[in-house]
PDB file of N, CA and C in Angstrom:
ATOM      1  N   MET A   1     -43.739 -39.483  47.358  1.00  0.00           N
ATOM      2  CA  MET A   1     -44.808 -39.136  48.308  1.00  0.00           C
ATOM      3  C   MET A   1     -46.160 -39.635  47.784  1.00  0.00           C
ATOM      4  N   PRO A   2     -46.778 -40.542  48.498  1.00  0.00           N
ATOM      5  CA  PRO A   2     -48.082 -41.077  48.052  1.00  0.00           C
ATOM      6  C   PRO A   2     -49.131 -39.977  47.918  1.00  0.00           C
ATOM      7  N   PHE A   3     -49.088 -38.986  48.825  1.00  0.00           N
ATOM      8  CA  PHE A   3     -50.098 -37.924  48.774  1.00  0.00           C
ATOM      9  C   PHE A   3     -49.992 -37.139  47.466  1.00  0.00           C
ATOM     10  N   VAL A   4     -48.766 -36.853  47.054  1.00  0.00           N
ATOM     11  CA  VAL A   4     -48.568 -36.098  45.818  1.00  0.00           C
ATOM     12  C   VAL A   4     -49.070 -36.909  44.630  1.00  0.00           C
ATOM     13  N   PHE A   5     -48.799 -38.215  44.663  1.00  0.00           N
ATOM     14  CA  PHE A   5     -49.237 -39.075  43.563  1.00  0.00           C
ATOM     15  C   PHE A   5     -50.755 -39.114  43.489  1.00  0.00           C
ATOM     16  N   ILE A   6     -51.397 -39.270  44.649  1.00  0.00           N
ATOM     17  CA  ILE A   6     -52.859 -39.328  44.691  1.00  0.00           C
ATOM     18  C   ILE A   6     -53.449 -37.983  44.256  1.00  0.00           C
ATOM     19  N   ALA A   7     -52.865 -36.893  44.750  1.00  0.00           N
ATOM     20  CA  ALA A   7     -53.369 -35.568  44.385  1.00  0.00           C
ATOM     21  C   ALA A   7     -53.236 -35.348  42.877  1.00  0.00           C
ATOM     22  N   GLY A   8     -52.105 -35.736  42.318  1.00  0.00           N
ATOM     23  CA  GLY A   8     -51.889 -35.590  40.882  1.00  0.00           C
ATOM     24  C   GLY A   8     -52.880 -36.422  40.087  1.00  0.00           C
ATOM     25  N   PHE A   9     -53.170 -37.631  40.593  1.00  0.00           N
ATOM     26  CA  PHE A   9     -54.125 -38.497  39.900  1.00  0.00           C
ATOM     27  C   PHE A   9     -55.517 -37.883  39.910  1.00  0.00           C
ATOM     28  N   ILE A  10     -55.904 -37.314  41.056  1.00  0.00           N
ATOM     29  CA  ILE A  10     -57.229 -36.692  41.167  1.00  0.00           C
ATOM     30  C   ILE A  10     -57.316 -35.480  40.234  1.00  0.00           C
ATOM     31  N   VAL A  11     -56.277 -34.663  40.237  1.00  0.00           N
ATOM     32  CA  VAL A  11     -56.280 -33.477  39.374  1.00  0.00           C
ATOM     33  C   VAL A  11     -56.330 -33.901  37.905  1.00  0.00           C
ATOM     34  N   GLY A  12     -55.534 -34.903  37.543  1.00  0.00           N
ATOM     35  CA  GLY A  12     -55.517 -35.376  36.158  1.00  0.00           C
ATOM     36  C   GLY A  12     -56.876 -35.917  35.746  1.00  0.00           C
ATOM     37  N   ALA A  13     -57.498 -36.706  36.632  1.00  0.00           N
ATOM     38  CA  ALA A  13     -58.815 -37.269  36.323  1.00  0.00           C
ATOM     39  C   ALA A  13     -59.845 -36.151  36.194  1.00  0.00           C
ATOM     40  N   GLY A  14     -59.736 -35.138  37.052  1.00  0.00           N
ATOM     41  CA  GLY A  14     -60.677 -34.020  36.991  1.00  0.00           C
ATOM     42  C   GLY A  14     -60.539 -33.258  35.682  1.00  0.00           C
ATOM     43  N   LEU A  15     -59.300 -32.972  35.279  1.00  0.00           N
ATOM     44  CA  LEU A  15     -59.089 -32.256  34.026  1.00  0.00           C
ATOM     45  C   LEU A  15     -59.572 -33.094  32.851  1.00  0.00           C
ATOM     46  N   TYR A  16     -59.353 -34.415  32.905  1.00  0.00           N
ATOM     47  CA  TYR A  16     -59.800 -35.297  31.826  1.00  0.00           C
ATOM     48  C   TYR A  16     -61.316 -35.260  31.708  1.00  0.00           C
ATOM     49  N   HIS A  17     -62.002 -35.285  32.858  1.00  0.00           N
ATOM     50  CA  HIS A  17     -63.463 -35.258  32.856  1.00  0.00           C
ATOM     51  C   HIS A  17     -63.975 -33.922  32.323  1.00  0.00           C
ATOM     52  N   ILE A  18     -63.344 -32.824  32.750  1.00  0.00           N
ATOM     53  CA  ILE A  18     -63.757 -31.495  32.281  1.00  0.00           C
ATOM     54  C   ILE A  18     -63.534 -31.399  30.772  1.00  0.00           C
ATOM     55  N   ASN A  19     -62.415 -31.925  30.292  1.00  0.00           N
ATOM     56  CA  ASN A  19     -62.114 -31.873  28.863  1.00  0.00           C
ATOM     57  C   ASN A  19     -63.144 -32.660  28.075  1.00  0.00           C
ATOM     58  N   LYS A  20     -63.542 -33.845  28.584  1.00  0.00           N
ATOM     59  CA  LYS A  20     -64.549 -34.650  27.895  1.00  0.00           C
ATOM     60  C   LYS A  20     -65.879 -33.916  27.850  1.00  0.00           C
ATOM     61  N   GLU A  21     -66.258 -33.278  28.972  1.00  0.00           N
ATOM     62  CA  GLU A  21     -67.535 -32.556  28.999  1.00  0.00           C
ATOM     63  C   GLU A  21     -67.486 -31.364  28.041  1.00  0.00           C
ATOM     64  N   ALA A  22     -66.353 -30.699  27.969  1.00  0.00           N
ATOM     65  CA  ALA A  22     -66.228 -29.540  27.091  1.00  0.00           C
ATOM     66  C   ALA A  22     -66.333 -29.961  25.629  1.00  0.00           C
ATOM     67  N   ASN A  23     -65.882 -31.186  25.336  1.00  0.00           N
ATOM     68  CA  ASN A  23     -65.911 -31.675  23.959  1.00  0.00           C
ATOM     69  C   ASN A  23     -67.194 -32.435  23.663  1.00  0.00           C
ATOM     70  N   GLY A  24     -68.133 -32.467  24.591  1.00  0.00           N
ATOM     71  CA  GLY A  24     -69.390 -33.165  24.358  1.00  0.00           C
ATOM     72  C   GLY A  24     -69.196 -34.663  24.296  1.00  0.00           C
ATOM     73  N   GLU A  25     -68.374 -35.219  25.201  1.00  0.00           N
ATOM     74  CA  GLU A  25     -68.128 -36.666  25.257  1.00  0.00           C
ATOM     75  C   GLU A  25     -67.515 -37.175  23.958  1.00  0.00           C
ATOM     76  N   SER A  26     -66.818 -36.326  23.241  1.00  0.00           N
ATOM     77  CA  SER A  26     -66.175 -36.748  22.004  1.00  0.00           C
ATOM     78  C   SER A  26     -64.669 -36.804  22.207  1.00  0.00           C
ATOM     79  N   PRO A  27     -63.980 -37.680  21.497  1.00  0.00           N
ATOM     80  CA  PRO A  27     -62.518 -37.781  21.645  1.00  0.00           C
ATOM     81  C   PRO A  27     -61.846 -36.490  21.205  1.00  0.00           C
ATOM     82  N   PRO A  28     -60.814 -36.061  21.913  1.00  0.00           N
ATOM     83  CA  PRO A  28     -60.123 -34.814  21.570  1.00  0.00           C
ATOM     84  C   PRO A  28     -59.430 -34.904  20.219  1.00  0.00           C
ATOM     85  N   THR A  29     -59.500 -33.837  19.443  1.00  0.00           N
ATOM     86  CA  THR A  29     -58.866 -33.817  18.121  1.00  0.00           C
ATOM     87  C   THR A  29     -57.758 -32.784  18.136  1.00  0.00           C
ATOM     88  N   ASN A  30     -56.575 -33.205  18.564  1.00  0.00           N
ATOM     89  CA  ASN A  30     -55.442 -32.279  18.632  1.00  0.00           C
ATOM     90  C   ASN A  30     -54.779 -32.199  17.271  1.00  0.00           C
TER      91      ASN A  30
END
């Protein structure tokens, strides 16, 4: 389903952006 793929991509990009902002634009250190 293209819609599911697009929705997943948007959610993933959003979480990635939130994670970067939370880390102060620094690479995550897991």
